[in-house]
Amino acid sequence: MSEENKDPEDKAEGAFDKAKGKAKEKAKEAKEKAKEFTEEAKEKAKEFTEEAKESAKEFADEAKESAKEFAEETKEAASDFTEDAKKTADEFSEGVKGVTEAENKKILAGILGIVLGAFGVHKFILGYQKEGFILLGITIVGFVLSCIGIGIFMVWISGMIGLIEGIIYLTKSDEDFYNTYQVGRKPWF
């Protein structure tokens, strides 16, 4: 039958079948394109995930390395600080020990110089034996010669030397006393 003799219903049915076939083809093509797009999207997502994992791993490795370096630097700095602190503490304790010993000798030598200066006891405390014996000798000779009169003057002179030195010792700072009389070994005044 020719196209002209066909019934409009048949024509409509043919057009519908034709349209249906084209729609199926288009749907099939769309389905294929969607499948391809889904596969590409999955592949891209997989690549992105792998890149993200790799970047995260690299970042974690860098962070671990930085943390390790920081820990080493901190440990080294703490060690240096500990050594410096020990050194400073040792220097401080030596200084305190020296000042304490100097202060004790200063006070003891000063008081003994004022009270028993004529006998040279303060000189013996500081380690000046020769000067201590000189003062002791002058005092003993002065006592022996006191009946003549000049002996009292000799005892008075040795007593004044002890008094003046005792006052000088007590008025000096601990550091000056230590440097002058114990380190510098200045025997008189």
N, C-alpha and C. Protein backbone atom coordinates (compact mmCIF):
# COMPACT_ATOMS: atom_id res chain seq x y z
N MET A 1 0.81 -1.16 0.00
CA MET A 1 0.00 0.00 0.00
C MET A 1 0.86 1.24 0.00
N SER A 2 0.37 2.12 -0.68
CA SER A 2 1.12 3.35 -0.82
C SER A 2 0.82 4.25 0.37
N GLU A 3 1.61 5.23 0.50
CA GLU A 3 1.50 6.13 1.64
C GLU A 3 0.21 6.91 1.58
N GLU A 4 -0.23 7.17 0.46
CA GLU A 4 -1.44 7.98 0.30
C GLU A 4 -2.67 7.19 0.67
N ASN A 5 -2.69 5.90 0.43
CA ASN A 5 -3.86 5.09 0.68
C ASN A 5 -3.96 4.66 2.12
N LYS A 6 -3.03 4.89 2.88
CA LYS A 6 -3.05 4.44 4.27
C LYS A 6 -4.03 5.26 5.04
N ASP A 7 -4.51 4.68 5.97
CA ASP A 7 -5.49 5.27 6.88
C ASP A 7 -4.76 6.21 7.84
N PRO A 8 -5.39 7.36 8.21
CA PRO A 8 -4.69 8.28 9.11
C PRO A 8 -4.31 7.60 10.42
N GLU A 9 -5.07 6.63 10.82
CA GLU A 9 -4.75 5.95 12.06
C GLU A 9 -3.45 5.17 11.87
N ASP A 10 -3.33 4.55 10.72
CA ASP A 10 -2.13 3.79 10.44
C ASP A 10 -0.93 4.74 10.32
N LYS A 11 -1.20 5.88 9.75
CA LYS A 11 -0.14 6.87 9.60
C LYS A 11 0.33 7.32 10.99
N ALA A 12 -0.66 7.57 11.82
CA ALA A 12 -0.33 8.02 13.17
C ALA A 12 0.43 6.94 13.91
N GLU A 13 -0.01 5.71 13.69
CA GLU A 13 0.65 4.60 14.37
C GLU A 13 2.07 4.46 13.86
N GLY A 14 2.29 4.65 12.60
CA GLY A 14 3.63 4.55 12.00
C GLY A 14 4.52 5.67 12.53
N ALA A 15 3.91 6.88 12.59
CA ALA A 15 4.69 8.01 13.09
C ALA A 15 5.03 7.78 14.56
N PHE A 16 4.07 7.20 15.30
CA PHE A 16 4.30 6.93 16.73
C PHE A 16 5.41 5.90 16.88
N ASP A 17 5.36 4.86 16.06
CA ASP A 17 6.38 3.81 16.14
C ASP A 17 7.75 4.39 15.77
N LYS A 18 7.74 5.23 14.76
CA LYS A 18 8.97 5.86 14.33
C LYS A 18 9.54 6.74 15.45
N ALA A 19 8.61 7.56 16.05
CA ALA A 19 9.03 8.44 17.14
C ALA A 19 9.49 7.62 18.33
N LYS A 20 8.78 6.52 18.58
CA LYS A 20 9.12 5.65 19.69
C LYS A 20 10.51 5.06 19.46
N GLY A 21 10.79 4.63 18.23
CA GLY A 21 12.10 4.06 17.89
C GLY A 21 13.20 5.09 18.07
N LYS A 22 12.92 6.35 17.61
CA LYS A 22 13.91 7.42 17.77
C LYS A 22 14.12 7.73 19.26
N ALA A 23 13.01 7.74 20.02
CA ALA A 23 13.11 8.02 21.46
C ALA A 23 13.93 6.93 22.14
N LYS A 24 13.73 5.67 21.70
CA LYS A 24 14.50 4.57 22.29
C LYS A 24 15.97 4.74 21.96
N GLU A 25 16.24 5.11 20.70
CA GLU A 25 17.62 5.32 20.29
C GLU A 25 18.25 6.46 21.10
N LYS A 26 17.49 7.56 21.22
CA LYS A 26 18.00 8.72 21.97
C LYS A 26 18.19 8.34 23.44
N ALA A 27 17.25 7.57 23.99
CA ALA A 27 17.36 7.14 25.38
C ALA A 27 18.57 6.24 25.54
N LYS A 28 18.76 5.37 24.54
CA LYS A 28 19.91 4.47 24.57
C LYS A 28 21.20 5.28 24.50
N GLU A 29 21.23 6.25 23.60
CA GLU A 29 22.40 7.12 23.48
C GLU A 29 22.64 7.89 24.79
N ALA A 30 21.53 8.43 25.36
CA ALA A 30 21.65 9.17 26.63
C ALA A 30 22.14 8.26 27.74
N LYS A 31 21.62 7.02 27.72
CA LYS A 31 22.04 6.06 28.73
C LYS A 31 23.52 5.77 28.58
N GLU A 32 23.99 5.60 27.33
CA GLU A 32 25.41 5.35 27.06
C GLU A 32 26.26 6.55 27.51
N LYS A 33 25.77 7.75 27.16
CA LYS A 33 26.51 8.96 27.56
C LYS A 33 26.54 9.09 29.08
N ALA A 34 25.40 8.78 29.72
CA ALA A 34 25.36 8.84 31.18
C ALA A 34 26.30 7.82 31.79
N LYS A 35 26.33 6.62 31.17
CA LYS A 35 27.22 5.57 31.64
C LYS A 35 28.68 6.01 31.48
N GLU A 36 29.01 6.59 30.32
CA GLU A 36 30.37 7.09 30.08
C GLU A 36 30.72 8.20 31.07
N PHE A 37 29.74 9.12 31.25
CA PHE A 37 29.97 10.23 32.19
C PHE A 37 30.17 9.70 33.61
N THR A 38 29.37 8.70 34.01
CA THR A 38 29.50 8.11 35.34
C THR A 38 30.87 7.45 35.48
N GLU A 39 31.29 6.71 34.44
CA GLU A 39 32.60 6.06 34.47
C GLU A 39 33.71 7.11 34.58
N GLU A 40 33.59 8.18 33.78
CA GLU A 40 34.59 9.25 33.85
C GLU A 40 34.60 9.90 35.23
N ALA A 41 33.38 10.14 35.76
CA ALA A 41 33.28 10.76 37.08
C ALA A 41 33.89 9.85 38.13
N LYS A 42 33.62 8.53 38.03
CA LYS A 42 34.22 7.58 38.97
C LYS A 42 35.73 7.60 38.86
N GLU A 43 36.23 7.61 37.62
CA GLU A 43 37.67 7.61 37.38
C GLU A 43 38.30 8.89 37.95
N LYS A 44 37.64 10.04 37.68
CA LYS A 44 38.15 11.31 38.20
C LYS A 44 38.12 11.31 39.73
N ALA A 45 37.03 10.81 40.30
CA ALA A 45 36.92 10.75 41.76
C ALA A 45 38.00 9.85 42.33
N LYS A 46 38.25 8.72 41.65
CA LYS A 46 39.29 7.81 42.10
C LYS A 46 40.66 8.49 42.04
N GLU A 47 40.95 9.17 40.93
CA GLU A 47 42.22 9.89 40.79
C GLU A 47 42.34 10.97 41.86
N PHE A 48 41.24 11.72 42.06
CA PHE A 48 41.25 12.79 43.06
C PHE A 48 41.49 12.21 44.46
N THR A 49 40.82 11.09 44.75
CA THR A 49 40.99 10.45 46.06
C THR A 49 42.43 10.00 46.24
N GLU A 50 43.02 9.40 45.20
CA GLU A 50 44.41 8.95 45.30
C GLU A 50 45.35 10.15 45.48
N GLU A 51 45.10 11.23 44.72
CA GLU A 51 45.93 12.43 44.86
C GLU A 51 45.78 13.01 46.26
N ALA A 52 44.54 13.03 46.78
CA ALA A 52 44.30 13.57 48.12
C ALA A 52 45.01 12.71 49.17
N LYS A 53 44.93 11.37 48.99
CA LYS A 53 45.63 10.48 49.92
C LYS A 53 47.13 10.71 49.87
N GLU A 54 47.67 10.84 48.66
CA GLU A 54 49.10 11.06 48.50
C GLU A 54 49.52 12.40 49.11
N SER A 55 48.72 13.44 48.85
CA SER A 55 49.02 14.75 49.43
C SER A 55 48.95 14.70 50.95
N ALA A 56 47.94 14.02 51.47
CA ALA A 56 47.81 13.90 52.93
C ALA A 56 48.99 13.13 53.51
N LYS A 57 49.43 12.08 52.81
CA LYS A 57 50.57 11.31 53.28
C LYS A 57 51.84 12.15 53.26
N GLU A 58 52.05 12.90 52.17
CA GLU A 58 53.22 13.78 52.10
C GLU A 58 53.18 14.83 53.20
N PHE A 59 52.00 15.41 53.42
CA PHE A 59 51.85 16.42 54.48
C PHE A 59 52.14 15.81 55.84
N ALA A 60 51.61 14.59 56.06
CA ALA A 60 51.85 13.91 57.35
C ALA A 60 53.33 13.62 57.53
N ASP A 61 54.00 13.18 56.45
CA ASP A 61 55.44 12.91 56.54
C ASP A 61 56.22 14.19 56.84
N GLU A 62 55.85 15.27 56.16
CA GLU A 62 56.51 16.56 56.42
C GLU A 62 56.25 17.02 57.85
N ALA A 63 55.02 16.83 58.31
CA ALA A 63 54.69 17.23 59.69
C ALA A 63 55.48 16.40 60.69
N LYS A 64 55.60 15.08 60.44
CA LYS A 64 56.39 14.23 61.33
C LYS A 64 57.85 14.67 61.34
N GLU A 65 58.39 14.97 60.17
CA GLU A 65 59.79 15.40 60.07
C GLU A 65 59.99 16.73 60.81
N SER A 66 59.06 17.66 60.60
CA SER A 66 59.16 18.95 61.29
C SER A 66 59.06 18.76 62.80
N ALA A 67 58.15 17.90 63.22
CA ALA A 67 58.00 17.64 64.66
C ALA A 67 59.25 17.01 65.23
N LYS A 68 59.86 16.09 64.46
CA LYS A 68 61.08 15.43 64.92
C LYS A 68 62.21 16.46 65.04
N GLU A 69 62.36 17.32 64.02
CA GLU A 69 63.39 18.36 64.07
C GLU A 69 63.16 19.31 65.25
N PHE A 70 61.89 19.69 65.44
CA PHE A 70 61.55 20.58 66.55
C PHE A 70 61.87 19.93 67.89
N ALA A 71 61.55 18.64 68.01
CA ALA A 71 61.84 17.92 69.25
C ALA A 71 63.34 17.85 69.50
N GLU A 72 64.12 17.60 68.44
CA GLU A 72 65.57 17.56 68.59
C GLU A 72 66.13 18.92 68.99
N GLU A 73 65.64 19.96 68.33
CA GLU A 73 66.10 21.32 68.68
C GLU A 73 65.72 21.67 70.10
N THR A 74 64.51 21.30 70.51
CA THR A 74 64.06 21.57 71.87
C THR A 74 64.90 20.81 72.88
N LYS A 75 65.18 19.54 72.56
CA LYS A 75 66.00 18.74 73.47
C LYS A 75 67.40 19.34 73.59
N GLU A 76 67.97 19.77 72.46
CA GLU A 76 69.30 20.39 72.49
C GLU A 76 69.29 21.69 73.28
N ALA A 77 68.25 22.51 73.05
CA ALA A 77 68.15 23.77 73.78
C ALA A 77 67.98 23.51 75.27
N ALA A 78 67.19 22.51 75.62
CA ALA A 78 67.00 22.17 77.04
C ALA A 78 68.30 21.69 77.65
N SER A 79 69.05 20.91 76.89
CA SER A 79 70.34 20.42 77.37
C SER A 79 71.31 21.58 77.59
N ASP A 80 71.36 22.50 76.61
CA ASP A 80 72.22 23.68 76.77
C ASP A 80 71.80 24.51 77.96
N PHE A 81 70.49 24.68 78.11
CA PHE A 81 69.99 25.47 79.24
C PHE A 81 70.35 24.79 80.56
N THR A 82 70.22 23.46 80.61
CA THR A 82 70.55 22.73 81.83
C THR A 82 72.03 22.89 82.17
N GLU A 83 72.89 22.77 81.14
CA GLU A 83 74.32 22.94 81.38
C GLU A 83 74.63 24.36 81.87
N ASP A 84 74.02 25.36 81.23
CA ASP A 84 74.23 26.74 81.66
C ASP A 84 73.72 26.96 83.07
N ALA A 85 72.57 26.38 83.39
CA ALA A 85 72.01 26.53 84.73
C ALA A 85 72.91 25.88 85.77
N LYS A 86 73.45 24.69 85.45
CA LYS A 86 74.36 24.03 86.38
C LYS A 86 75.62 24.87 86.59
N LYS A 87 76.15 25.39 85.49
CA LYS A 87 77.36 26.21 85.57
C LYS A 87 77.11 27.46 86.42
N THR A 88 75.97 28.11 86.16
CA THR A 88 75.62 29.31 86.92
C THR A 88 75.41 28.98 88.40
N ALA A 89 74.75 27.85 88.67
CA ALA A 89 74.51 27.45 90.06
C ALA A 89 75.84 27.16 90.76
N ASP A 90 76.76 26.50 90.05
CA ASP A 90 78.07 26.22 90.65
C ASP A 90 78.83 27.52 90.94
N GLU A 91 78.80 28.44 89.97
CA GLU A 91 79.47 29.73 90.18
C GLU A 91 78.83 30.48 91.35
N PHE A 92 77.52 30.44 91.41
CA PHE A 92 76.82 31.13 92.50
C PHE A 92 77.16 30.52 93.85
N SER A 93 77.17 29.17 93.91
CA SER A 93 77.48 28.54 95.20
C SER A 93 78.92 28.81 95.62
N GLU A 94 79.85 28.84 94.63
CA GLU A 94 81.23 29.18 94.96
C GLU A 94 81.33 30.62 95.45
N GLY A 95 80.60 31.52 94.79
CA GLY A 95 80.60 32.92 95.22
C GLY A 95 80.02 33.09 96.61
N VAL A 96 78.92 32.39 96.87
CA VAL A 96 78.30 32.46 98.19
C VAL A 96 79.24 31.89 99.24
N LYS A 97 79.87 30.76 98.88
CA LYS A 97 80.80 30.15 99.82
C LYS A 97 81.95 31.11 100.13
N GLY A 98 82.49 31.74 99.08
CA GLY A 98 83.60 32.69 99.28
C GLY A 98 83.18 33.90 100.09
N VAL A 99 81.99 34.43 99.80
CA VAL A 99 81.50 35.60 100.54
C VAL A 99 81.20 35.22 101.97
N THR A 100 80.61 34.05 102.17
CA THR A 100 80.27 33.61 103.53
C THR A 100 81.53 33.44 104.35
N GLU A 101 82.53 32.79 103.77
CA GLU A 101 83.79 32.62 104.50
C GLU A 101 84.44 33.98 104.75
N ALA A 102 84.40 34.86 103.76
CA ALA A 102 84.99 36.18 103.92
C ALA A 102 84.23 36.97 104.98
N GLU A 103 82.91 36.87 104.98
CA GLU A 103 82.12 37.61 105.95
C GLU A 103 82.40 37.11 107.36
N ASN A 104 82.47 35.79 107.52
CA ASN A 104 82.75 35.25 108.85
C ASN A 104 84.12 35.71 109.34
N LYS A 105 85.13 35.69 108.48
CA LYS A 105 86.45 36.15 108.87
C LYS A 105 86.45 37.65 109.10
N LYS A 106 85.67 38.36 108.31
CA LYS A 106 85.61 39.81 108.44
C LYS A 106 85.05 40.19 109.81
N ILE A 107 83.93 39.62 110.15
CA ILE A 107 83.29 39.96 111.43
C ILE A 107 84.16 39.50 112.60
N LEU A 108 84.67 38.27 112.52
CA LEU A 108 85.50 37.75 113.59
C LEU A 108 86.79 38.57 113.73
N ALA A 109 87.45 38.85 112.60
CA ALA A 109 88.70 39.62 112.65
C ALA A 109 88.42 41.04 113.14
N GLY A 110 87.30 41.65 112.72
CA GLY A 110 86.97 43.01 113.15
C GLY A 110 86.72 43.08 114.65
N ILE A 111 85.94 42.17 115.16
CA ILE A 111 85.63 42.19 116.61
C ILE A 111 86.87 41.88 117.42
N LEU A 112 87.64 40.88 117.01
CA LEU A 112 88.87 40.56 117.74
C LEU A 112 89.89 41.69 117.64
N GLY A 113 89.92 42.41 116.51
CA GLY A 113 90.82 43.56 116.38
C GLY A 113 90.45 44.65 117.36
N ILE A 114 89.14 44.88 117.56
CA ILE A 114 88.69 45.92 118.50
C ILE A 114 88.96 45.48 119.94
N VAL A 115 88.62 44.23 120.27
CA VAL A 115 88.71 43.77 121.66
C VAL A 115 90.13 43.35 122.05
N LEU A 116 90.78 42.52 121.23
CA LEU A 116 92.10 42.00 121.58
C LEU A 116 93.16 42.40 120.55
N GLY A 117 93.00 43.56 119.94
CA GLY A 117 93.90 44.00 118.88
C GLY A 117 95.33 44.15 119.33
N ALA A 118 95.55 44.48 120.57
CA ALA A 118 96.91 44.66 121.07
C ALA A 118 97.70 43.36 121.02
N PHE A 119 97.01 42.22 121.11
CA PHE A 119 97.69 40.93 121.09
C PHE A 119 97.83 40.35 119.67
N GLY A 120 97.28 41.04 118.66
CA GLY A 120 97.42 40.62 117.26
C GLY A 120 96.57 39.41 116.87
N VAL A 121 95.56 39.10 117.68
CA VAL A 121 94.73 37.92 117.39
C VAL A 121 94.04 38.06 116.03
N HIS A 122 93.58 39.26 115.68
CA HIS A 122 92.91 39.45 114.39
C HIS A 122 93.84 39.15 113.22
N LYS A 123 95.16 39.37 113.40
CA LYS A 123 96.14 39.07 112.35
C LYS A 123 96.28 37.55 112.17
N PHE A 124 96.28 36.83 113.30
CA PHE A 124 96.38 35.38 113.22
C PHE A 124 95.14 34.78 112.52
N ILE A 125 93.96 35.35 112.77
CA ILE A 125 92.72 34.87 112.15
C ILE A 125 92.81 35.00 110.63
N LEU A 126 93.40 36.10 110.14
CA LEU A 126 93.50 36.32 108.69
C LEU A 126 94.70 35.60 108.06
N GLY A 127 95.53 34.95 108.89
CA GLY A 127 96.66 34.20 108.36
C GLY A 127 97.94 35.00 108.26
N TYR A 128 98.00 36.16 108.92
CA TYR A 128 99.21 37.00 108.91
C TYR A 128 100.00 36.71 110.20
N GLN A 129 100.75 35.62 110.22
CA GLN A 129 101.46 35.22 111.43
C GLN A 129 102.56 36.22 111.80
N LYS A 130 103.34 36.66 110.83
CA LYS A 130 104.45 37.58 111.11
C LYS A 130 103.93 38.86 111.76
N GLU A 131 102.87 39.46 111.19
CA GLU A 131 102.31 40.69 111.72
C GLU A 131 101.67 40.46 113.10
N GLY A 132 101.06 39.27 113.26
CA GLY A 132 100.47 38.92 114.56
C GLY A 132 101.53 38.82 115.64
N PHE A 133 102.66 38.19 115.30
CA PHE A 133 103.75 38.09 116.28
C PHE A 133 104.38 39.44 116.58
N ILE A 134 104.43 40.33 115.61
CA ILE A 134 104.96 41.69 115.84
C ILE A 134 104.10 42.41 116.87
N LEU A 135 102.75 42.40 116.67
CA LEU A 135 101.86 43.06 117.64
C LEU A 135 101.94 42.40 119.01
N LEU A 136 101.96 41.07 119.03
CA LEU A 136 102.06 40.36 120.30
C LEU A 136 103.38 40.68 121.01
N GLY A 137 104.46 40.72 120.23
CA GLY A 137 105.77 41.04 120.81
C GLY A 137 105.81 42.45 121.37
N ILE A 138 105.25 43.44 120.63
CA ILE A 138 105.23 44.83 121.11
C ILE A 138 104.44 44.91 122.41
N THR A 139 103.31 44.20 122.49
CA THR A 139 102.48 44.24 123.70
C THR A 139 103.20 43.60 124.87
N ILE A 140 103.84 42.46 124.67
CA ILE A 140 104.56 41.79 125.77
C ILE A 140 105.73 42.65 126.24
N VAL A 141 106.47 43.21 125.28
CA VAL A 141 107.59 44.09 125.66
C VAL A 141 107.06 45.32 126.40
N GLY A 142 105.92 45.82 125.94
CA GLY A 142 105.31 46.98 126.59
C GLY A 142 104.91 46.67 128.02
N PHE A 143 104.34 45.47 128.27
CA PHE A 143 103.99 45.10 129.63
C PHE A 143 105.25 44.97 130.50
N VAL A 144 106.30 44.41 129.94
CA VAL A 144 107.55 44.25 130.69
C VAL A 144 108.15 45.62 131.01
N LEU A 145 108.08 46.55 130.05
CA LEU A 145 108.67 47.86 130.25
C LEU A 145 107.69 48.87 130.86
N SER A 146 106.52 48.40 131.27
CA SER A 146 105.53 49.33 131.81
C SER A 146 106.01 50.00 133.10
N CYS A 147 106.95 49.38 133.82
CA CYS A 147 107.44 50.03 135.03
C CYS A 147 108.29 51.25 134.68
N ILE A 148 108.86 51.30 133.53
CA ILE A 148 109.67 52.44 133.14
C ILE A 148 108.78 53.56 132.63
N GLY A 149 107.64 53.25 132.05
CA GLY A 149 106.74 54.27 131.54
C GLY A 149 106.58 54.20 130.04
N ILE A 150 107.64 53.87 129.35
CA ILE A 150 107.54 53.77 127.89
C ILE A 150 106.74 52.55 127.48
N GLY A 151 106.66 51.54 128.31
CA GLY A 151 105.95 50.30 128.03
C GLY A 151 104.46 50.54 127.85
N ILE A 152 103.89 51.44 128.66
CA ILE A 152 102.45 51.73 128.55
C ILE A 152 102.17 52.36 127.19
N PHE A 153 103.05 53.18 126.72
CA PHE A 153 102.90 53.80 125.41
C PHE A 153 102.92 52.72 124.31
N MET A 154 103.81 51.72 124.44
CA MET A 154 103.89 50.64 123.46
C MET A 154 102.61 49.79 123.46
N VAL A 155 102.07 49.50 124.64
CA VAL A 155 100.82 48.73 124.72
C VAL A 155 99.68 49.55 124.13
N TRP A 156 99.69 50.84 124.42
CA TRP A 156 98.64 51.73 123.90
C TRP A 156 98.71 51.78 122.36
N ILE A 157 99.90 51.88 121.77
CA ILE A 157 100.08 51.92 120.31
C ILE A 157 99.56 50.62 119.67
N SER A 158 99.95 49.46 120.20
CA SER A 158 99.50 48.19 119.62
C SER A 158 97.99 48.03 119.78
N GLY A 159 97.43 48.52 120.88
CA GLY A 159 95.97 48.48 121.08
C GLY A 159 95.25 49.37 120.08
N MET A 160 95.81 50.56 119.80
CA MET A 160 95.20 51.48 118.83
C MET A 160 95.26 50.90 117.42
N ILE A 161 96.37 50.24 117.09
CA ILE A 161 96.48 49.59 115.77
C ILE A 161 95.37 48.55 115.61
N GLY A 162 95.18 47.72 116.63
CA GLY A 162 94.13 46.69 116.59
C GLY A 162 92.74 47.31 116.50
N LEU A 163 92.50 48.39 117.26
CA LEU A 163 91.18 49.06 117.24
C LEU A 163 90.90 49.65 115.86
N ILE A 164 91.89 50.36 115.31
CA ILE A 164 91.70 50.98 113.98
C ILE A 164 91.48 49.91 112.91
N GLU A 165 92.30 48.85 112.94
CA GLU A 165 92.14 47.79 111.95
C GLU A 165 90.79 47.08 112.10
N GLY A 166 90.35 46.86 113.33
CA GLY A 166 89.04 46.22 113.55
C GLY A 166 87.91 47.06 112.98
N ILE A 167 87.97 48.38 113.19
CA ILE A 167 86.93 49.27 112.63
C ILE A 167 86.99 49.27 111.11
N ILE A 168 88.20 49.30 110.54
CA ILE A 168 88.34 49.27 109.07
C ILE A 168 87.76 47.97 108.52
N TYR A 169 88.06 46.85 109.15
CA TYR A 169 87.54 45.56 108.69
C TYR A 169 86.00 45.56 108.67
N LEU A 170 85.41 46.06 109.73
CA LEU A 170 83.94 46.02 109.84
C LEU A 170 83.24 47.01 108.91
N THR A 171 83.93 48.07 108.52
CA THR A 171 83.28 49.07 107.66
C THR A 171 83.43 48.75 106.17
N LYS A 172 84.33 47.85 105.82
CA LYS A 172 84.49 47.47 104.40
C LYS A 172 83.36 46.53 104.00
N SER A 173 83.02 46.56 102.69
CA SER A 173 82.04 45.60 102.18
C SER A 173 82.69 44.21 102.16
N ASP A 174 81.86 43.20 102.12
CA ASP A 174 82.38 41.83 102.13
C ASP A 174 83.34 41.59 100.96
N GLU A 175 82.97 42.09 99.79
CA GLU A 175 83.79 41.89 98.60
C GLU A 175 85.12 42.63 98.73
N ASP A 176 85.07 43.88 99.18
CA ASP A 176 86.32 44.65 99.36
C ASP A 176 87.21 43.99 100.40
N PHE A 177 86.61 43.56 101.51
CA PHE A 177 87.40 42.91 102.56
C PHE A 177 88.07 41.66 102.02
N TYR A 178 87.28 40.85 101.32
CA TYR A 178 87.81 39.59 100.78
C TYR A 178 88.94 39.87 99.79
N ASN A 179 88.71 40.82 98.86
CA ASN A 179 89.73 41.11 97.85
C ASN A 179 90.97 41.75 98.45
N THR A 180 90.80 42.60 99.45
CA THR A 180 91.94 43.33 100.02
C THR A 180 92.76 42.47 100.99
N TYR A 181 92.09 41.81 101.93
CA TYR A 181 92.81 41.15 103.03
C TYR A 181 92.98 39.64 102.86
N GLN A 182 92.11 39.01 102.08
CA GLN A 182 92.25 37.57 101.93
C GLN A 182 92.86 37.19 100.58
N VAL A 183 92.51 37.90 99.53
CA VAL A 183 93.11 37.59 98.23
C VAL A 183 94.37 38.46 98.03
N GLY A 184 94.25 39.77 98.28
CA GLY A 184 95.36 40.69 98.07
C GLY A 184 96.42 40.61 99.15
N ARG A 185 96.07 40.03 100.29
CA ARG A 185 97.01 39.83 101.42
C ARG A 185 97.67 41.14 101.86
N LYS A 186 96.86 42.17 102.07
CA LYS A 186 97.37 43.46 102.57
C LYS A 186 97.50 43.32 104.10
N PRO A 187 98.73 43.37 104.66
CA PRO A 187 98.90 43.04 106.08
C PRO A 187 98.55 44.18 107.06
N TRP A 188 98.72 45.41 106.65
CA TRP A 188 98.49 46.50 107.60
C TRP A 188 97.46 47.47 107.02
N PHE A 189 96.60 47.95 107.87
CA PHE A 189 95.55 48.93 107.55
C PHE A 189 95.00 48.66 106.17
